[in-house]
């Protein structure tokens, strides 16, 4: 049973990692396109930095939650799960 739980947890982490990389790739490609559009249409007004910055904050938060290895990492999760299981007995 524990082996299945570890497998499911690992699978979930891989899916989260894959989702982050897709998010990052789309962010880079779309913002490159916005930069080119901005450069070709109105080079004096750099409006592309607004979606770049706003969406960039989202990518950073996504990355932090995906690569959480500090206080709220896997060890913390396991400890909390065991703690709540003990309380429910």
C-alpha atoms as a PDB file:
ATOM      1  CA  UNK A   1       0.000   0.000   0.000  1.00  0.00           C
ATOM      2  CA  UNK A   2       2.762   2.441   0.844  1.00  0.00           C
ATOM      3  CA  UNK A   3       4.471   1.688  -2.459  1.00  0.00           C
ATOM      4  CA  UNK A   4       1.318   2.672  -4.361  1.00  0.00           C
ATOM      5  CA  UNK A   5       1.087   5.927  -2.425  1.00  0.00           C
ATOM      6  CA  UNK A   6       4.698   6.763  -3.229  1.00  0.00           C
ATOM      7  CA  UNK A   7       4.080   5.995  -6.896  1.00  0.00           C
ATOM      8  CA  UNK A   8       0.965   8.204  -7.004  1.00  0.00           C
ATOM      9  CA  UNK A   9       2.798  11.028  -5.219  1.00  0.00           C
ATOM     10  CA  UNK A  10       5.731  10.763  -7.633  1.00  0.00           C
ATOM     11  CA  UNK A  11       3.360  10.689 -10.592  1.00  0.00           C
ATOM     12  CA  UNK A  12       1.584  13.811  -9.310  1.00  0.00           C
ATOM     13  CA  UNK A  13       4.925  15.619  -8.906  1.00  0.00           C
ATOM     14  CA  UNK A  14       5.935  14.690 -12.468  1.00  0.00           C
ATOM     15  CA  UNK A  15       2.598  15.985 -13.776  1.00  0.00           C
ATOM     16  CA  UNK A  16       3.067  19.241 -11.851  1.00  0.00           C
ATOM     17  CA  UNK A  17       6.595  19.582 -13.223  1.00  0.00           C
ATOM     18  CA  UNK A  18       5.381  18.957 -16.765  1.00  0.00           C
ATOM     19  CA  UNK A  19       2.616  21.563 -16.324  1.00  0.00           C
ATOM     20  CA  UNK A  20       5.182  24.094 -15.103  1.00  0.00           C
ATOM     21  CA  UNK A  21       7.466  23.520 -18.084  1.00  0.00           C
ATOM     22  CA  UNK A  22       4.520  23.887 -20.480  1.00  0.00           C
ATOM     23  CA  UNK A  23       3.494  27.103 -18.705  1.00  0.00           C
ATOM     24  CA  UNK A  24       7.045  28.458 -18.926  1.00  0.00           C
ATOM     25  CA  UNK A  25       7.355  27.563 -22.627  1.00  0.00           C
ATOM     26  CA  UNK A  26       4.052  29.221 -23.526  1.00  0.00           C
ATOM     27  CA  UNK A  27       5.045  32.284 -21.463  1.00  0.00           C
ATOM     28  CA  UNK A  28       8.318  32.643 -23.338  1.00  0.00           C
ATOM     29  CA  UNK A  29       6.831  32.094 -26.803  1.00  0.00           C
ATOM     30  CA  UNK A  30       3.850  34.407 -26.335  1.00  0.00           C
ATOM     31  CA  UNK A  31       5.956  37.176 -24.838  1.00  0.00           C
ATOM     32  CA  UNK A  32       8.494  36.906 -27.655  1.00  0.00           C
ATOM     33  CA  UNK A  33       5.601  37.291 -30.081  1.00  0.00           C
ATOM     34  CA  UNK A  34       4.260  40.290 -28.135  1.00  0.00           C
ATOM     35  CA  UNK A  35       7.734  41.853 -28.196  1.00  0.00           C
ATOM     36  CA  UNK A  36       7.946  41.484 -31.980  1.00  0.00           C
ATOM     37  CA  UNK A  37       4.438  42.914 -32.419  1.00  0.00           C
ATOM     38  CA  UNK A  38       5.306  45.827 -30.124  1.00  0.00           C
ATOM     39  CA  UNK A  39       8.591  46.450 -31.933  1.00  0.00           C
ATOM     40  CA  UNK A  40       6.973  46.438 -35.386  1.00  0.00           C
ATOM     41  CA  UNK A  41       3.909  48.512 -34.492  1.00  0.00           C
ATOM     42  CA  UNK A  42       5.012  51.144 -31.952  1.00  0.00           C
ATOM     43  CA  UNK A  43       8.659  50.922 -30.936  1.00  0.00           C
ATOM     44  CA  UNK A  44       8.437  54.080 -28.814  1.00  0.00           C
ATOM     45  CA  UNK A  45       5.774  52.691 -26.464  1.00  0.00           C
ATOM     46  CA  UNK A  46       6.915  49.494 -24.711  1.00  0.00           C
ATOM     47  CA  UNK A  47       3.503  48.084 -23.714  1.00  0.00           C
ATOM     48  CA  UNK A  48       4.638  44.438 -23.921  1.00  0.00           C
ATOM     49  CA  UNK A  49       6.341  44.757 -20.508  1.00  0.00           C
ATOM     50  CA  UNK A  50       2.961  44.818 -18.728  1.00  0.00           C
ATOM     51  CA  UNK A  51       1.825  41.327 -19.746  1.00  0.00           C
ATOM     52  CA  UNK A  52       5.448  40.180 -19.402  1.00  0.00           C
ATOM     53  CA  UNK A  53       5.573  41.338 -15.772  1.00  0.00           C
ATOM     54  CA  UNK A  54       2.060  40.299 -14.765  1.00  0.00           C
ATOM     55  CA  UNK A  55       2.249  36.866 -16.279  1.00  0.00           C
ATOM     56  CA  UNK A  56       5.832  36.560 -15.033  1.00  0.00           C
ATOM     57  CA  UNK A  57       4.592  36.856 -11.453  1.00  0.00           C
ATOM     58  CA  UNK A  58       2.245  33.934 -12.154  1.00  0.00           C
ATOM     59  CA  UNK A  59       5.084  31.851 -13.610  1.00  0.00           C
ATOM     60  CA  UNK A  60       7.259  32.583 -10.573  1.00  0.00           C
ATOM     61  CA  UNK A  61       4.487  31.539  -8.180  1.00  0.00           C
ATOM     62  CA  UNK A  62       3.876  28.399 -10.230  1.00  0.00           C
ATOM     63  CA  UNK A  63       7.589  27.605 -10.079  1.00  0.00           C
ATOM     64  CA  UNK A  64       7.757  28.162  -6.329  1.00  0.00           C
ATOM     65  CA  UNK A  65       4.835  25.826  -5.725  1.00  0.00           C
ATOM     66  CA  UNK A  66       6.265  23.222  -8.094  1.00  0.00           C
ATOM     67  CA  UNK A  67       9.770  23.259  -6.674  1.00  0.00           C
ATOM     68  CA  UNK A  68       8.805  23.743  -3.017  1.00  0.00           C
ATOM     69  CA  UNK A  69      11.635  22.153  -1.105  1.00  0.00           C
ATOM     70  CA  UNK A  70      11.815  24.466   1.868  1.00  0.00           C
ATOM     71  CA  UNK A  71       9.435  24.617   4.786  1.00  0.00           C
ATOM     72  CA  UNK A  72       6.472  23.262   2.809  1.00  0.00           C
ATOM     73  CA  UNK A  73       8.197  20.430   0.957  1.00  0.00           C
ATOM     74  CA  UNK A  74       7.418  16.721   0.830  1.00  0.00           C
ATOM     75  CA  UNK A  75       8.712  16.040   4.348  1.00  0.00           C
ATOM     76  CA  UNK A  76       6.396  18.653   5.795  1.00  0.00           C
ATOM     77  CA  UNK A  77       3.480  17.152   3.834  1.00  0.00           C
ATOM     78  CA  UNK A  78       4.185  13.668   5.159  1.00  0.00           C
ATOM     79  CA  UNK A  79       4.492  14.911   8.727  1.00  0.00           C
ATOM     80  CA  UNK A  80       1.179  16.774   8.507  1.00  0.00           C
ATOM     81  CA  UNK A  81      -0.614  13.801   6.962  1.00  0.00           C
ATOM     82  CA  UNK A  82       0.589  11.529   9.761  1.00  0.00           C
ATOM     83  CA  UNK A  83      -0.348  14.163  12.344  1.00  0.00           C
ATOM     84  CA  UNK A  84      -3.916  14.412  11.066  1.00  0.00           C
ATOM     85  CA  UNK A  85      -4.228  10.635  10.789  1.00  0.00           C
ATOM     86  CA  UNK A  86      -3.208  10.315  14.440  1.00  0.00           C
ATOM     87  CA  UNK A  87      -5.798  12.907  15.482  1.00  0.00           C
ATOM     88  CA  UNK A  88      -8.574  11.000  13.663  1.00  0.00           C
ATOM     89  CA  UNK A  89      -7.944   7.759  15.589  1.00  0.00           C
END
